[in-house]
Amino acid sequence: MLLALFAAVAPVAAGHAQARGGALPEAPAASYRGQSFPQQRTPIEQLPLGGQAEILRLETLLDQAYAGLTASPTAAVFPPILAEAVAQAAEQAAAVEPTWNQDAYRREAAFYAAEEARRHPAKPQR
């Protein structure tokens, strides 16, 4: 499953700016239908030079899912093509900046996947 791939990338390495000082800073939260989820968006000047483009792509794709979430209560949130693009972007970001913590992105993507499943349940096969 795509989320399994997404969940496997980008642990925080010791010594990285995000790993120093113990606990990671809390990602800003968004909410929908009484549920909150992280929505980390990083100012460009705080992005690592080596992974700027890849991390921005990942955050942009997650913004597309958020737009679907808030467009209407029946709009597609995380269709397979977008979920695949997010997983690929996460993998690419981890490849160029392996110490960048992607936990907030994984949790946000999981929220969108769950909402997509709620809105558009899989049809039983005959």
N, C-alpha and C. Protein backbone atom coordinates (compact mmCIF):
# COMPACT_ATOMS: atom_id res chain seq x y z
N MET A 1 0.85 -1.19 0.00
CA MET A 1 0.00 0.00 0.00
C MET A 1 0.89 1.24 0.00
N LEU A 2 0.40 2.28 -0.59
CA LEU A 2 1.17 3.51 -0.73
C LEU A 2 1.55 4.11 0.61
N LEU A 3 0.65 4.06 1.57
CA LEU A 3 0.97 4.66 2.87
C LEU A 3 2.08 3.91 3.58
N ALA A 4 2.18 2.60 3.32
CA ALA A 4 3.28 1.84 3.92
C ALA A 4 4.61 2.33 3.38
N LEU A 5 4.68 2.60 2.08
CA LEU A 5 5.88 3.16 1.49
C LEU A 5 6.16 4.53 2.09
N PHE A 6 5.13 5.33 2.21
CA PHE A 6 5.27 6.68 2.74
C PHE A 6 5.75 6.63 4.19
N ALA A 7 5.25 5.68 4.96
CA ALA A 7 5.60 5.59 6.37
C ALA A 7 7.04 5.14 6.58
N ALA A 8 7.64 4.51 5.59
CA ALA A 8 8.97 3.95 5.76
C ALA A 8 10.09 4.94 5.49
N VAL A 9 9.80 6.09 4.95
CA VAL A 9 10.86 7.01 4.55
C VAL A 9 11.17 8.05 5.60
N ALA A 10 12.39 8.52 5.56
CA ALA A 10 12.87 9.71 6.25
C ALA A 10 12.81 9.73 7.77
N PRO A 11 13.54 8.83 8.42
CA PRO A 11 13.69 9.00 9.87
C PRO A 11 14.60 10.18 10.16
N VAL A 12 14.52 10.71 11.35
CA VAL A 12 15.37 11.83 11.73
C VAL A 12 16.71 11.27 12.20
N ALA A 13 17.77 11.77 11.65
CA ALA A 13 19.11 11.33 12.05
C ALA A 13 19.61 12.20 13.20
N ALA A 14 20.41 11.60 14.05
CA ALA A 14 20.99 12.35 15.17
C ALA A 14 21.82 13.50 14.63
N GLY A 15 21.73 14.64 15.28
CA GLY A 15 22.51 15.79 14.89
C GLY A 15 21.83 16.71 13.90
N HIS A 16 20.79 16.26 13.25
CA HIS A 16 20.08 17.13 12.31
C HIS A 16 19.36 18.21 13.09
N ALA A 17 19.15 19.34 12.49
CA ALA A 17 18.51 20.47 13.17
C ALA A 17 17.17 20.07 13.76
N GLN A 18 16.43 19.19 13.08
CA GLN A 18 15.13 18.78 13.61
C GLN A 18 15.29 17.79 14.77
N ALA A 19 16.43 17.14 14.86
CA ALA A 19 16.61 16.13 15.90
C ALA A 19 17.24 16.68 17.17
N ARG A 20 17.88 17.82 17.09
CA ARG A 20 18.55 18.39 18.27
C ARG A 20 17.55 18.80 19.33
N GLY A 21 17.94 18.63 20.57
CA GLY A 21 17.13 19.12 21.67
C GLY A 21 15.99 18.21 22.07
N GLY A 22 16.02 16.95 21.65
CA GLY A 22 15.00 16.01 22.09
C GLY A 22 13.77 16.02 21.22
N ALA A 23 12.66 16.50 21.75
CA ALA A 23 11.37 16.42 21.06
C ALA A 23 11.35 17.32 19.82
N LEU A 24 10.66 16.83 18.81
CA LEU A 24 10.49 17.62 17.59
C LEU A 24 9.47 18.71 17.84
N PRO A 25 9.62 19.83 17.16
CA PRO A 25 8.60 20.87 17.30
C PRO A 25 7.27 20.35 16.77
N GLU A 26 6.22 20.75 17.40
CA GLU A 26 4.88 20.31 17.00
C GLU A 26 4.50 21.00 15.69
N ALA A 27 4.07 20.19 14.72
CA ALA A 27 3.62 20.75 13.45
C ALA A 27 2.29 21.46 13.67
N PRO A 28 2.05 22.55 12.97
CA PRO A 28 0.75 23.21 13.08
C PRO A 28 -0.36 22.22 12.72
N ALA A 29 -1.50 22.39 13.32
CA ALA A 29 -2.60 21.46 13.08
C ALA A 29 -3.71 22.14 12.27
N ALA A 30 -4.34 21.33 11.45
CA ALA A 30 -5.55 21.73 10.75
C ALA A 30 -6.65 20.83 11.31
N SER A 31 -7.88 21.17 11.05
CA SER A 31 -8.95 20.29 11.53
C SER A 31 -10.04 20.18 10.48
N TYR A 32 -10.74 19.06 10.56
CA TYR A 32 -11.85 18.79 9.66
C TYR A 32 -12.81 17.86 10.39
N ARG A 33 -14.07 18.23 10.44
CA ARG A 33 -15.11 17.42 11.10
C ARG A 33 -14.72 17.04 12.53
N GLY A 34 -14.14 17.98 13.23
CA GLY A 34 -13.79 17.75 14.62
C GLY A 34 -12.52 16.95 14.84
N GLN A 35 -11.84 16.57 13.79
CA GLN A 35 -10.59 15.83 13.91
C GLN A 35 -9.46 16.75 13.49
N SER A 36 -8.37 16.71 14.24
CA SER A 36 -7.23 17.52 13.85
C SER A 36 -6.13 16.62 13.30
N PHE A 37 -5.32 17.21 12.45
CA PHE A 37 -4.21 16.49 11.83
C PHE A 37 -3.10 17.50 11.58
N PRO A 38 -1.84 17.03 11.55
CA PRO A 38 -0.74 17.96 11.34
C PRO A 38 -0.76 18.49 9.91
N GLN A 39 -0.31 19.70 9.76
CA GLN A 39 -0.21 20.30 8.42
C GLN A 39 1.05 21.17 8.41
N GLN A 40 2.17 20.49 8.29
CA GLN A 40 3.47 21.17 8.31
C GLN A 40 3.74 21.79 6.95
N ARG A 41 4.00 23.08 6.94
CA ARG A 41 4.46 23.78 5.74
C ARG A 41 5.67 24.59 6.18
N THR A 42 6.76 24.39 5.51
CA THR A 42 8.02 24.96 5.94
C THR A 42 8.37 26.19 5.11
N PRO A 43 8.67 27.31 5.75
CA PRO A 43 9.13 28.47 4.99
C PRO A 43 10.37 28.10 4.17
N ILE A 44 10.43 28.56 2.96
CA ILE A 44 11.51 28.17 2.05
C ILE A 44 12.89 28.43 2.64
N GLU A 45 13.02 29.50 3.40
CA GLU A 45 14.34 29.80 3.97
C GLU A 45 14.76 28.81 5.05
N GLN A 46 13.83 28.01 5.54
CA GLN A 46 14.16 27.01 6.56
C GLN A 46 14.37 25.62 5.96
N LEU A 47 14.16 25.48 4.67
CA LEU A 47 14.36 24.18 4.03
C LEU A 47 15.84 23.94 3.75
N PRO A 48 16.26 22.68 3.84
CA PRO A 48 17.66 22.38 3.51
C PRO A 48 17.88 22.61 2.01
N LEU A 49 19.00 23.18 1.66
CA LEU A 49 19.26 23.48 0.25
C LEU A 49 19.20 22.23 -0.62
N GLY A 50 19.70 21.13 -0.11
CA GLY A 50 19.74 19.90 -0.89
C GLY A 50 18.38 19.30 -1.18
N GLY A 51 17.38 19.61 -0.40
CA GLY A 51 16.08 18.99 -0.59
C GLY A 51 14.94 19.97 -0.80
N GLN A 52 15.26 21.21 -1.05
CA GLN A 52 14.21 22.24 -1.18
C GLN A 52 13.13 21.86 -2.18
N ALA A 53 13.52 21.56 -3.39
CA ALA A 53 12.54 21.29 -4.45
C ALA A 53 11.68 20.08 -4.11
N GLU A 54 12.29 19.04 -3.58
CA GLU A 54 11.56 17.81 -3.28
C GLU A 54 10.59 18.01 -2.11
N ILE A 55 11.02 18.71 -1.09
CA ILE A 55 10.13 18.95 0.06
C ILE A 55 9.00 19.89 -0.33
N LEU A 56 9.31 20.90 -1.12
CA LEU A 56 8.25 21.80 -1.60
C LEU A 56 7.23 21.06 -2.45
N ARG A 57 7.69 20.13 -3.28
CA ARG A 57 6.77 19.33 -4.10
C ARG A 57 5.85 18.51 -3.19
N LEU A 58 6.42 17.88 -2.18
CA LEU A 58 5.62 17.09 -1.24
C LEU A 58 4.57 17.96 -0.56
N GLU A 59 4.98 19.11 -0.07
CA GLU A 59 4.04 20.00 0.60
C GLU A 59 2.97 20.52 -0.37
N THR A 60 3.34 20.77 -1.62
CA THR A 60 2.37 21.22 -2.62
C THR A 60 1.34 20.14 -2.92
N LEU A 61 1.78 18.90 -3.03
CA LEU A 61 0.84 17.80 -3.28
C LEU A 61 -0.12 17.63 -2.10
N LEU A 62 0.40 17.78 -0.89
CA LEU A 62 -0.48 17.70 0.28
C LEU A 62 -1.46 18.87 0.30
N ASP A 63 -1.03 20.03 -0.18
CA ASP A 63 -1.95 21.17 -0.31
C ASP A 63 -3.09 20.85 -1.28
N GLN A 64 -2.79 20.11 -2.34
CA GLN A 64 -3.83 19.70 -3.29
C GLN A 64 -4.86 18.81 -2.62
N ALA A 65 -4.39 17.90 -1.77
CA ALA A 65 -5.31 17.03 -1.04
C ALA A 65 -6.17 17.85 -0.09
N TYR A 66 -5.56 18.83 0.57
CA TYR A 66 -6.32 19.68 1.49
C TYR A 66 -7.38 20.48 0.73
N ALA A 67 -7.04 20.93 -0.46
CA ALA A 67 -8.02 21.65 -1.28
C ALA A 67 -9.21 20.75 -1.61
N GLY A 68 -8.95 19.50 -1.91
CA GLY A 68 -10.03 18.55 -2.15
C GLY A 68 -10.86 18.30 -0.90
N LEU A 69 -10.20 18.25 0.23
CA LEU A 69 -10.88 18.04 1.50
C LEU A 69 -11.88 19.14 1.78
N THR A 70 -11.46 20.38 1.52
CA THR A 70 -12.30 21.52 1.87
C THR A 70 -13.20 22.00 0.73
N ALA A 71 -13.04 21.44 -0.47
CA ALA A 71 -13.83 21.88 -1.62
C ALA A 71 -15.32 21.56 -1.44
N SER A 72 -15.61 20.37 -1.02
CA SER A 72 -16.98 19.95 -0.76
C SER A 72 -16.92 18.66 0.03
N PRO A 73 -18.03 18.31 0.70
CA PRO A 73 -18.00 17.08 1.51
C PRO A 73 -17.99 15.80 0.69
N THR A 74 -18.11 15.91 -0.63
CA THR A 74 -18.10 14.71 -1.47
C THR A 74 -16.95 14.68 -2.47
N ALA A 75 -16.17 15.76 -2.55
CA ALA A 75 -15.07 15.82 -3.51
C ALA A 75 -14.02 14.77 -3.18
N ALA A 76 -13.31 14.33 -4.21
CA ALA A 76 -12.20 13.42 -3.99
C ALA A 76 -11.13 14.15 -3.19
N VAL A 77 -10.58 13.48 -2.20
CA VAL A 77 -9.55 14.07 -1.35
C VAL A 77 -8.18 13.52 -1.75
N PHE A 78 -8.09 12.23 -1.84
CA PHE A 78 -6.81 11.56 -2.02
C PHE A 78 -6.97 10.41 -3.00
N PRO A 79 -7.32 10.73 -4.25
CA PRO A 79 -7.47 9.67 -5.25
C PRO A 79 -6.13 8.94 -5.45
N PRO A 80 -6.16 7.74 -5.99
CA PRO A 80 -4.92 6.96 -6.12
C PRO A 80 -3.78 7.69 -6.82
N ILE A 81 -4.07 8.46 -7.84
CA ILE A 81 -2.99 9.16 -8.55
C ILE A 81 -2.30 10.19 -7.65
N LEU A 82 -3.06 10.87 -6.81
CA LEU A 82 -2.47 11.84 -5.88
C LEU A 82 -1.73 11.12 -4.75
N ALA A 83 -2.31 10.04 -4.25
CA ALA A 83 -1.65 9.27 -3.20
C ALA A 83 -0.30 8.74 -3.70
N GLU A 84 -0.27 8.26 -4.93
CA GLU A 84 0.98 7.76 -5.52
C GLU A 84 1.99 8.89 -5.68
N ALA A 85 1.53 10.05 -6.13
CA ALA A 85 2.43 11.20 -6.29
C ALA A 85 3.02 11.63 -4.95
N VAL A 86 2.21 11.61 -3.90
CA VAL A 86 2.69 11.96 -2.56
C VAL A 86 3.74 10.95 -2.10
N ALA A 87 3.47 9.67 -2.30
CA ALA A 87 4.44 8.64 -1.90
C ALA A 87 5.75 8.80 -2.66
N GLN A 88 5.67 9.08 -3.95
CA GLN A 88 6.90 9.28 -4.74
C GLN A 88 7.65 10.53 -4.29
N ALA A 89 6.92 11.60 -4.02
CA ALA A 89 7.56 12.84 -3.57
C ALA A 89 8.25 12.62 -2.22
N ALA A 90 7.61 11.87 -1.34
CA ALA A 90 8.22 11.58 -0.04
C ALA A 90 9.49 10.76 -0.21
N GLU A 91 9.44 9.80 -1.10
CA GLU A 91 10.61 8.97 -1.36
C GLU A 91 11.75 9.81 -1.95
N GLN A 92 11.44 10.68 -2.88
CA GLN A 92 12.46 11.54 -3.48
C GLN A 92 13.04 12.51 -2.44
N ALA A 93 12.18 13.07 -1.60
CA ALA A 93 12.67 13.98 -0.55
C ALA A 93 13.59 13.23 0.41
N ALA A 94 13.23 12.02 0.75
CA ALA A 94 14.07 11.23 1.65
C ALA A 94 15.40 10.86 1.00
N ALA A 95 15.39 10.67 -0.31
CA ALA A 95 16.62 10.31 -1.01
C ALA A 95 17.62 11.46 -1.01
N VAL A 96 17.14 12.68 -1.18
CA VAL A 96 18.07 13.82 -1.25
C VAL A 96 18.32 14.45 0.12
N GLU A 97 17.39 14.29 1.05
CA GLU A 97 17.55 14.85 2.40
C GLU A 97 17.05 13.82 3.41
N PRO A 98 17.83 12.75 3.63
CA PRO A 98 17.37 11.64 4.46
C PRO A 98 17.13 11.99 5.93
N THR A 99 17.64 13.11 6.40
CA THR A 99 17.45 13.46 7.80
C THR A 99 16.23 14.35 8.03
N TRP A 100 15.53 14.74 6.99
CA TRP A 100 14.35 15.59 7.14
C TRP A 100 13.21 14.75 7.72
N ASN A 101 12.66 15.18 8.81
CA ASN A 101 11.59 14.44 9.47
C ASN A 101 10.28 14.59 8.69
N GLN A 102 9.73 13.47 8.27
CA GLN A 102 8.50 13.47 7.49
C GLN A 102 7.30 12.96 8.27
N ASP A 103 7.43 12.86 9.58
CA ASP A 103 6.33 12.32 10.38
C ASP A 103 5.03 13.10 10.19
N ALA A 104 5.08 14.42 10.23
CA ALA A 104 3.86 15.22 10.06
C ALA A 104 3.25 15.00 8.69
N TYR A 105 4.09 14.86 7.66
CA TYR A 105 3.58 14.61 6.31
C TYR A 105 2.88 13.24 6.25
N ARG A 106 3.48 12.23 6.87
CA ARG A 106 2.89 10.89 6.89
C ARG A 106 1.52 10.91 7.57
N ARG A 107 1.44 11.61 8.70
CA ARG A 107 0.16 11.66 9.42
C ARG A 107 -0.89 12.44 8.63
N GLU A 108 -0.48 13.50 7.96
CA GLU A 108 -1.41 14.26 7.13
C GLU A 108 -1.91 13.40 5.97
N ALA A 109 -1.00 12.70 5.31
CA ALA A 109 -1.39 11.82 4.19
C ALA A 109 -2.33 10.71 4.67
N ALA A 110 -2.06 10.17 5.85
CA ALA A 110 -2.93 9.12 6.39
C ALA A 110 -4.33 9.67 6.67
N PHE A 111 -4.41 10.91 7.14
CA PHE A 111 -5.72 11.52 7.37
C PHE A 111 -6.48 11.64 6.06
N TYR A 112 -5.81 12.11 5.01
CA TYR A 112 -6.48 12.26 3.72
C TYR A 112 -6.91 10.91 3.16
N ALA A 113 -6.07 9.89 3.32
CA ALA A 113 -6.42 8.56 2.84
C ALA A 113 -7.65 8.03 3.57
N ALA A 114 -7.71 8.25 4.88
CA ALA A 114 -8.87 7.80 5.66
C ALA A 114 -10.13 8.55 5.23
N GLU A 115 -10.01 9.84 5.00
CA GLU A 115 -11.17 10.63 4.57
C GLU A 115 -11.61 10.22 3.18
N GLU A 116 -10.66 9.92 2.31
CA GLU A 116 -11.02 9.43 0.96
C GLU A 116 -11.79 8.12 1.07
N ALA A 117 -11.33 7.22 1.92
CA ALA A 117 -12.02 5.95 2.11
C ALA A 117 -13.41 6.15 2.71
N ARG A 118 -13.55 7.12 3.61
CA ARG A 118 -14.86 7.39 4.18
C ARG A 118 -15.81 7.94 3.12
N ARG A 119 -15.31 8.85 2.29
CA ARG A 119 -16.15 9.47 1.27
C ARG A 119 -16.48 8.53 0.11
N HIS A 120 -15.52 7.71 -0.23
CA HIS A 120 -15.67 6.82 -1.39
C HIS A 120 -15.25 5.41 -1.01
N PRO A 121 -16.11 4.70 -0.25
CA PRO A 121 -15.74 3.36 0.17
C PRO A 121 -15.56 2.43 -1.04
N ALA A 122 -14.66 1.47 -0.87
CA ALA A 122 -14.44 0.50 -1.94
C ALA A 122 -15.72 -0.29 -2.17
N LYS A 123 -16.00 -0.51 -3.43
CA LYS A 123 -17.20 -1.29 -3.77
C LYS A 123 -16.87 -2.77 -3.63
N PRO A 124 -17.80 -3.54 -3.05
CA PRO A 124 -17.54 -4.98 -2.92
C PRO A 124 -17.43 -5.63 -4.29
N GLN A 125 -16.48 -6.56 -4.41
CA GLN A 125 -16.32 -7.28 -5.67
C GLN A 125 -17.28 -8.44 -5.71
N ARG A 126 -17.77 -8.71 -6.88
CA ARG A 126 -18.74 -9.83 -7.04
C ARG A 126 -18.04 -11.06 -7.52
